């Protein structure tokens, strides 16, 4: 058993590319098959080798996993794919992120340990456990642009809440939830499940509970199993080389949540990252970029993503991207793509109907 567990936890990354155990990919594949959709072509489109996905011991590119979830959501016409997967899956699929908290003595202890070992399951996610007036679970991204992901983070927030309820036998409701991406009216499903209002366009992704949940006992506590699992995870942590994200991704993740507020100049972002403007510019230059180029790239990527969401009007998209006038957004989008936002949206409708 120890050998099998260690094999599952070993993290042989693809160079500097963050990898994941592929749990979300395989769950999404199962959902596609249930809907009568063959996942293989979609996996290839996302850059995921089918053989690797079938091999449950293989690790997958975390970036390609996020891409696949976006593609699968479109194929299923399910913009809540991550949430639905988290609701329906057997939470034992989480492996060590289920069994470690499930064998802990208290919820606080279990969440703290699960946060520490999250990177063994998905190197693109870093989770911070913070105790104070509230128990805060803060999600951060490593080597991945935050704005590229919706389904994975919504799944994580849902599974975290579901796990807390399952382990304690109590219907725990978060004190607050913050999500970095924007909302539309369909988010009422997620709000209803969590039982808490959600702050969207936040600076970070976070779930918080009252401090009292820290001492709630875990019904399945098993100190012997817990110690065995912790030992295996600590050995795996000691062997793995921590994946470092590019500086570009760190700056990009600081820019994206500030766009709707129009506060995305280099001075503000430099202060956010606790460095001088000169240092920020120099480090971007070492990766062949300027701040303006990166800002434009992020806006273009988000614009394409938002246009696929028919619930968002063109004026709302312009605001989300930090433009005060729709005309300024239209001018930029035409410079990026050669077409206006309305023309691009119409092309998407034509493609989806063919």
Protein backbone atom coordinates (compact mmCIF):
# COMPACT_ATOMS: atom_id res chain seq x y z
CA UNK A 1 0.00 0.00 0.00
CA UNK A 2 2.82 2.40 0.84
CA UNK A 3 4.43 1.83 -2.54
CA UNK A 4 1.17 2.42 -4.39
CA UNK A 5 0.48 5.60 -2.46
CA UNK A 6 3.96 6.93 -3.10
CA UNK A 7 3.62 6.19 -6.82
CA UNK A 8 0.41 8.25 -6.88
CA UNK A 9 2.05 11.17 -5.06
CA UNK A 10 5.33 11.36 -6.95
CA UNK A 11 5.38 14.52 -9.01
CA UNK A 12 7.51 14.21 -12.12
CA UNK A 13 6.75 17.57 -13.68
CA UNK A 14 7.16 18.41 -17.35
CA UNK A 15 10.08 20.77 -16.73
CA UNK A 16 8.63 24.02 -15.39
CA UNK A 17 5.08 23.13 -16.46
CA UNK A 18 2.80 22.54 -13.45
CA UNK A 19 1.13 19.14 -13.51
CA UNK A 20 -1.93 17.58 -11.89
CA UNK A 21 -3.11 14.09 -11.05
CA UNK A 22 -5.87 14.65 -13.63
CA UNK A 23 -8.83 14.03 -11.33
CA UNK A 24 -10.90 16.84 -12.89
CA UNK A 25 -10.04 15.70 -16.43
CA UNK A 26 -11.18 12.14 -15.80
CA UNK A 27 -14.38 13.24 -14.06
CA UNK A 28 -15.17 15.54 -17.00
CA UNK A 29 -14.52 12.65 -19.42
CA UNK A 30 -17.03 10.52 -17.53
CA UNK A 31 -19.60 13.30 -17.74
CA UNK A 32 -19.06 13.62 -21.51
CA UNK A 33 -19.53 9.87 -21.99
CA UNK A 34 -22.76 9.97 -19.96
CA UNK A 35 -24.01 12.63 -22.38
CA UNK A 36 -23.06 10.49 -25.39
CA UNK A 37 -20.09 12.67 -26.36
CA UNK A 38 -16.75 11.00 -27.13
CA UNK A 39 -14.05 12.80 -25.10
CA UNK A 40 -11.05 11.74 -27.22
CA UNK A 41 -11.31 14.50 -29.88
CA UNK A 42 -11.80 17.12 -27.17
CA UNK A 43 -8.79 15.82 -25.24
CA UNK A 44 -6.67 16.10 -28.38
CA UNK A 45 -7.95 19.62 -28.97
CA UNK A 46 -6.82 20.56 -25.44
CA UNK A 47 -3.39 18.97 -25.95
CA UNK A 48 -3.96 16.05 -23.57
CA UNK A 49 -2.68 12.64 -24.80
CA UNK A 50 -5.50 10.10 -24.54
CA UNK A 51 -3.10 7.40 -23.30
CA UNK A 52 -2.03 9.59 -20.39
CA UNK A 53 -5.61 10.32 -19.40
CA UNK A 54 -6.44 6.60 -19.44
CA UNK A 55 -3.41 5.86 -17.23
CA UNK A 56 -4.65 6.89 -13.77
CA UNK A 57 -1.08 6.96 -12.46
CA UNK A 58 0.02 9.51 -15.09
CA UNK A 59 0.19 13.23 -14.38
CA UNK A 60 -1.25 15.75 -16.82
CA UNK A 61 -0.42 19.33 -17.73
CA UNK A 62 -2.48 21.54 -15.40
CA UNK A 63 -2.76 24.18 -18.11
CA UNK A 64 -4.12 21.65 -20.60
CA UNK A 65 -6.53 20.36 -17.97
CA UNK A 66 -8.04 23.84 -17.60
CA UNK A 67 -8.29 24.12 -21.39
CA UNK A 68 -10.05 20.75 -21.57
CA UNK A 69 -12.59 21.75 -18.91
CA UNK A 70 -13.43 24.87 -20.93
CA UNK A 71 -13.82 22.80 -24.13
CA UNK A 72 -15.89 20.12 -22.36
CA UNK A 73 -18.18 22.76 -20.83
CA UNK A 74 -18.89 24.15 -24.30
CA UNK A 75 -19.51 20.67 -25.72
CA UNK A 76 -21.97 19.91 -22.91
CA UNK A 77 -23.46 23.41 -23.03
CA UNK A 78 -22.81 23.47 -19.29
CA UNK A 79 -21.16 26.64 -18.05
CA UNK A 80 -21.33 25.20 -14.54
CA UNK A 81 -19.37 22.06 -15.36
CA UNK A 82 -16.91 22.43 -12.47
CA UNK A 83 -19.72 23.00 -9.97
CA UNK A 84 -21.75 20.05 -11.28
CA UNK A 85 -18.73 17.73 -11.19
CA UNK A 86 -18.02 18.75 -7.59
CA UNK A 87 -21.64 18.15 -6.59
CA UNK A 88 -21.91 14.70 -8.15
CA UNK A 89 -18.49 13.06 -7.80
CA UNK A 90 -17.47 10.55 -5.15
CA UNK A 91 -15.29 12.78 -2.98
CA UNK A 92 -12.97 9.82 -2.32
CA UNK A 93 -11.73 10.56 -5.85
CA UNK A 94 -9.71 13.35 -4.22
CA UNK A 95 -7.31 10.73 -2.88
CA UNK A 96 -5.02 12.18 -0.18
CA UNK A 97 -7.01 15.42 -0.12
CA UNK A 98 -9.97 13.39 1.13
CA UNK A 99 -8.32 10.74 3.28
CA UNK A 100 -5.97 13.06 5.16
CA UNK A 101 -8.72 15.39 6.49
CA UNK A 102 -11.08 12.40 6.88
CA UNK A 103 -8.63 10.71 9.24
CA UNK A 104 -7.78 13.89 11.19
CA UNK A 105 -9.12 14.64 14.66
CA UNK A 106 -10.72 18.05 13.95
CA UNK A 107 -11.85 20.00 10.92
CA UNK A 108 -9.25 22.72 11.42
CA UNK A 109 -6.48 20.15 11.60
CA UNK A 110 -7.78 18.38 8.49
CA UNK A 111 -8.10 21.56 6.44
CA UNK A 112 -4.65 22.74 7.45
CA UNK A 113 -3.06 19.47 6.36
CA UNK A 114 -5.05 19.25 3.13
CA UNK A 115 -3.94 22.79 2.28
CA UNK A 116 -0.31 21.83 2.75
CA UNK A 117 -0.53 18.83 0.42
CA UNK A 118 -2.71 20.31 -2.35
CA UNK A 119 0.29 20.90 -4.60
CA UNK A 120 0.98 17.15 -4.65
CA UNK A 121 -2.37 16.67 -6.37
CA UNK A 122 -2.29 19.83 -8.52
CA UNK A 123 0.90 21.87 -8.81
CA UNK A 124 -0.95 24.85 -10.31
CA UNK A 125 -2.90 25.39 -7.07
CA UNK A 126 -1.54 26.73 -3.83
CA UNK A 127 -3.89 26.82 -0.83
CA UNK A 128 -3.27 28.86 2.30
CA UNK A 129 -5.02 28.05 5.59
CA UNK A 130 -5.36 31.13 7.81
CA UNK A 131 -6.73 31.15 11.37
CA UNK A 132 -8.08 34.27 13.05
CA UNK A 133 -11.57 35.59 13.61
CA UNK A 134 -12.46 33.30 10.72
CA UNK A 135 -10.98 30.16 9.19
CA UNK A 136 -9.95 31.31 5.70
CA UNK A 137 -8.98 29.01 2.84
CA UNK A 138 -7.27 31.12 0.16
CA UNK A 139 -6.56 29.76 -3.32
CA UNK A 140 -3.66 30.98 -5.44
CA UNK A 141 -2.29 29.94 -8.82
CA UNK A 142 1.25 28.84 -9.66
CA UNK A 143 2.46 29.00 -13.27
CA UNK A 144 -1.12 29.42 -14.54
CA UNK A 145 -3.02 32.55 -15.56
CA UNK A 146 -5.95 32.86 -13.15
CA UNK A 147 -8.23 34.36 -15.79
CA UNK A 148 -7.96 31.17 -17.88
CA UNK A 149 -9.81 29.16 -15.22
CA UNK A 150 -13.41 29.14 -14.11
CA UNK A 151 -14.46 25.51 -13.82
CA UNK A 152 -11.53 24.23 -11.76
CA UNK A 153 -11.81 26.95 -9.11
CA UNK A 154 -15.60 26.65 -8.84
CA UNK A 155 -15.16 22.92 -8.41
CA UNK A 156 -12.56 23.47 -5.67
CA UNK A 157 -14.77 25.90 -3.74
CA UNK A 158 -17.75 23.54 -3.98
CA UNK A 159 -15.80 20.41 -3.03
CA UNK A 160 -14.22 22.21 -0.07
CA UNK A 161 -17.66 23.16 1.28
CA UNK A 162 -19.05 19.71 0.55
CA UNK A 163 -16.07 18.05 2.26
CA UNK A 164 -16.52 20.15 5.42
CA UNK A 165 -20.19 19.16 5.62
CA UNK A 166 -19.46 15.48 4.98
CA UNK A 167 -16.67 15.18 7.54
CA UNK A 168 -18.53 16.93 10.37
CA UNK A 169 -22.06 15.75 9.62
CA UNK A 170 -23.20 19.38 9.82
CA UNK A 171 -24.60 21.65 7.10
CA UNK A 172 -21.84 24.24 7.39
CA UNK A 173 -22.38 27.53 5.58
CA UNK A 174 -19.40 29.73 4.67
CA UNK A 175 -19.20 33.11 6.38
CA UNK A 176 -18.24 34.52 2.99
CA UNK A 177 -16.99 33.44 -0.42
CA UNK A 178 -14.86 35.48 -2.81
CA UNK A 179 -14.25 34.61 -6.46
CA UNK A 180 -11.87 36.48 -8.75
CA UNK A 181 -13.85 36.04 -11.95
CA UNK A 182 -17.01 37.85 -12.99
CA UNK A 183 -20.58 36.68 -12.49
CA UNK A 184 -23.75 36.31 -14.50
CA UNK A 185 -27.29 35.50 -13.41
CA UNK A 186 -26.73 31.73 -13.58
CA UNK A 187 -24.52 31.89 -10.50
CA UNK A 188 -27.66 31.61 -8.37
CA UNK A 189 -27.13 27.81 -8.43
CA UNK A 190 -23.72 28.11 -6.81
CA UNK A 191 -24.93 30.72 -4.32
CA UNK A 192 -27.85 28.49 -3.32
CA UNK A 193 -25.61 25.46 -2.79
CA UNK A 194 -23.04 27.33 -0.71
CA UNK A 195 -25.76 29.13 1.25
CA UNK A 196 -23.67 32.30 1.18
CA UNK A 197 -23.50 35.38 -0.97
CA UNK A 198 -20.48 35.56 -3.25
CA UNK A 199 -18.26 38.56 -3.87
CA UNK A 200 -17.25 38.42 -7.55
CA UNK A 201 -14.39 40.27 -9.26
CA UNK A 202 -12.53 39.87 -5.96
CA UNK A 203 -8.77 40.20 -5.59
CA UNK A 204 -8.53 36.54 -4.56
CA UNK A 205 -10.44 33.26 -4.40
CA UNK A 206 -11.44 32.40 -0.87
CA UNK A 207 -13.88 30.50 1.35
CA UNK A 208 -14.16 31.51 5.00
CA UNK A 209 -15.97 29.87 7.93
CA UNK A 210 -16.51 31.09 11.48
CA UNK A 211 -13.62 30.27 13.80
CA UNK A 212 -15.82 27.81 15.72
CA UNK A 213 -15.56 25.21 12.94
CA UNK A 214 -11.88 24.68 13.73
CA UNK A 215 -12.61 22.41 16.70
CA UNK A 216 -15.46 20.43 15.16
CA UNK A 217 -14.64 16.69 15.47
CA UNK A 218 -14.22 14.53 12.37
CA UNK A 219 -16.52 11.51 12.54
CA UNK A 220 -14.09 9.24 10.65
CA UNK A 221 -10.94 10.21 12.60
CA UNK A 222 -8.21 7.54 12.48
CA UNK A 223 -4.87 8.71 13.95
CA UNK A 224 -2.96 5.66 12.67
CA UNK A 225 -4.10 6.12 9.06
CA UNK A 226 -3.55 9.86 9.38
CA UNK A 227 0.06 9.44 10.48
CA UNK A 228 0.73 6.94 7.69
CA UNK A 229 -0.63 9.34 5.06
CA UNK A 230 1.21 12.35 6.44
CA UNK A 231 4.50 10.45 6.40
CA UNK A 232 3.99 9.48 2.75
CA UNK A 233 3.04 13.02 1.77
CA UNK A 234 5.97 14.59 3.61
CA UNK A 235 8.35 12.22 1.82
CA UNK A 236 6.82 13.19 -1.51
CA UNK A 237 7.06 16.90 -0.62
CA UNK A 238 10.74 16.48 0.26
CA UNK A 239 11.49 14.85 -3.12
CA UNK A 240 9.57 17.12 -5.41
CA UNK A 241 11.08 20.23 -6.93
CA UNK A 242 8.63 23.03 -6.33
CA UNK A 243 7.22 24.33 -9.59
CA UNK A 244 7.88 28.02 -9.98
CA UNK A 245 5.52 30.05 -12.10
CA UNK A 246 6.81 32.62 -14.56
CA UNK A 247 6.89 36.24 -13.48
CA UNK A 248 4.50 36.94 -16.36
CA UNK A 249 1.83 34.75 -14.75
CA UNK A 250 2.27 36.50 -11.38
CA UNK A 251 1.81 39.94 -12.94
CA UNK A 252 -1.10 38.69 -15.03
CA UNK A 253 -2.84 37.27 -11.96
CA UNK A 254 -2.45 40.66 -10.26
CA UNK A 255 -3.84 42.55 -13.26
CA UNK A 256 -6.97 40.50 -14.04
CA UNK A 257 -9.06 41.19 -10.88
CA UNK A 258 -8.30 44.93 -11.04
CA UNK A 259 -9.44 45.44 -14.63
CA UNK A 260 -13.12 46.24 -13.85
CA UNK A 261 -11.98 48.92 -11.42
CA UNK A 262 -9.77 50.63 -14.02
CA UNK A 263 -6.75 50.41 -11.70
CA UNK A 264 -4.23 48.54 -13.83
CA UNK A 265 -1.32 50.90 -14.39
CA UNK A 266 2.19 49.65 -13.76
CA UNK A 267 2.55 51.64 -10.54
CA UNK A 268 -0.49 50.02 -8.89
CA UNK A 269 0.53 46.51 -9.97
CA UNK A 270 4.10 47.09 -8.77
CA UNK A 271 2.80 48.10 -5.33
CA UNK A 272 0.54 45.04 -5.33
CA UNK A 273 3.61 42.84 -5.91
CA UNK A 274 5.72 44.84 -3.41
CA UNK A 275 8.38 45.99 -5.85
CA UNK A 276 9.41 49.09 -7.77
CA UNK A 277 8.09 49.88 -11.24
CA UNK A 278 11.62 49.59 -12.58
CA UNK A 279 12.05 46.09 -11.14
CA UNK A 280 8.69 44.97 -12.52
CA UNK A 281 9.52 46.31 -15.99
CA UNK A 282 12.98 44.74 -15.92
CA UNK A 283 11.69 41.30 -14.91
CA UNK A 284 9.02 41.36 -17.62
CA UNK A 285 11.66 42.41 -20.13
CA UNK A 286 13.68 39.33 -19.18
CA UNK A 287 10.70 37.28 -20.41
CA UNK A 288 10.46 39.35 -23.62
CA UNK A 289 7.47 41.45 -22.56
CA UNK A 290 6.44 44.97 -21.65
CA UNK A 291 3.71 45.78 -19.16
CA UNK A 292 1.53 47.28 -21.91
CA UNK A 293 1.90 44.17 -24.09
CA UNK A 294 0.92 41.89 -21.20
CA UNK A 295 -2.08 44.08 -20.33
CA UNK A 296 -3.25 43.97 -23.95
CA UNK A 297 -2.83 40.18 -24.11
CA UNK A 298 -4.87 39.64 -20.95
CA UNK A 299 -7.62 41.95 -22.18
CA UNK A 300 -7.79 40.17 -25.52
CA UNK A 301 -7.93 36.70 -23.92
CA UNK A 302 -10.65 37.80 -21.51
CA UNK A 303 -12.61 39.55 -24.26
CA UNK A 304 -12.77 36.35 -26.33
CA UNK A 305 -13.85 34.40 -23.25
CA UNK A 306 -16.53 36.91 -22.19
CA UNK A 307 -17.98 37.12 -25.71
CA UNK A 308 -18.80 33.40 -25.55
CA UNK A 309 -21.04 34.16 -22.55
CA UNK A 310 -24.26 35.40 -24.13
CA UNK A 311 -25.52 36.67 -20.76
CA UNK A 312 -22.92 39.46 -20.86
CA UNK A 313 -23.68 42.49 -22.99
CA UNK A 314 -20.95 44.24 -24.99
CA UNK A 315 -21.09 47.20 -22.59
CA UNK A 316 -20.69 44.87 -19.58
CA UNK A 317 -17.68 43.23 -21.21
CA UNK A 318 -16.14 46.64 -21.88
CA UNK A 319 -16.53 47.48 -18.16
CA UNK A 320 -15.09 44.14 -17.05
CA UNK A 321 -12.02 44.86 -19.17
CA UNK A 322 -11.54 48.33 -17.71
CA UNK A 323 -12.79 50.43 -20.62
CA UNK A 324 -14.87 53.50 -19.75
CA UNK A 325 -16.42 53.62 -23.20
CA UNK A 326 -17.71 50.81 -25.42
CA UNK A 327 -16.14 52.57 -28.39
CA UNK A 328 -12.67 52.24 -26.84
CA UNK A 329 -13.22 48.50 -26.34
CA UNK A 330 -14.50 48.12 -29.90
CA UNK A 331 -11.46 49.95 -31.28
CA UNK A 332 -9.05 47.73 -29.29
CA UNK A 333 -10.85 44.51 -30.20
CA UNK A 334 -10.82 45.39 -33.90
CA UNK A 335 -7.08 46.08 -33.64
CA UNK A 336 -6.54 42.65 -32.03
CA UNK A 337 -8.77 40.57 -34.27
CA UNK A 338 -9.80 42.56 -37.34
CA UNK A 339 -13.49 42.43 -36.36
CA UNK A 340 -15.75 44.18 -33.89
CA UNK A 341 -16.97 42.44 -30.70
CA UNK A 342 -20.49 42.13 -32.17
CA UNK A 343 -19.13 40.59 -35.38
CA UNK A 344 -17.01 38.15 -33.38
CA UNK A 345 -20.01 37.14 -31.25
CA UNK A 346 -22.09 36.59 -34.38
CA UNK A 347 -19.35 34.36 -35.82
CA UNK A 348 -19.46 32.27 -32.64
CA UNK A 349 -23.21 31.79 -33.09
CA UNK A 350 -22.67 30.68 -36.71
CA UNK A 351 -19.89 28.25 -35.72
CA UNK A 352 -21.96 26.72 -32.90
CA UNK A 353 -24.90 26.13 -35.24
CA UNK A 354 -22.88 24.37 -37.93
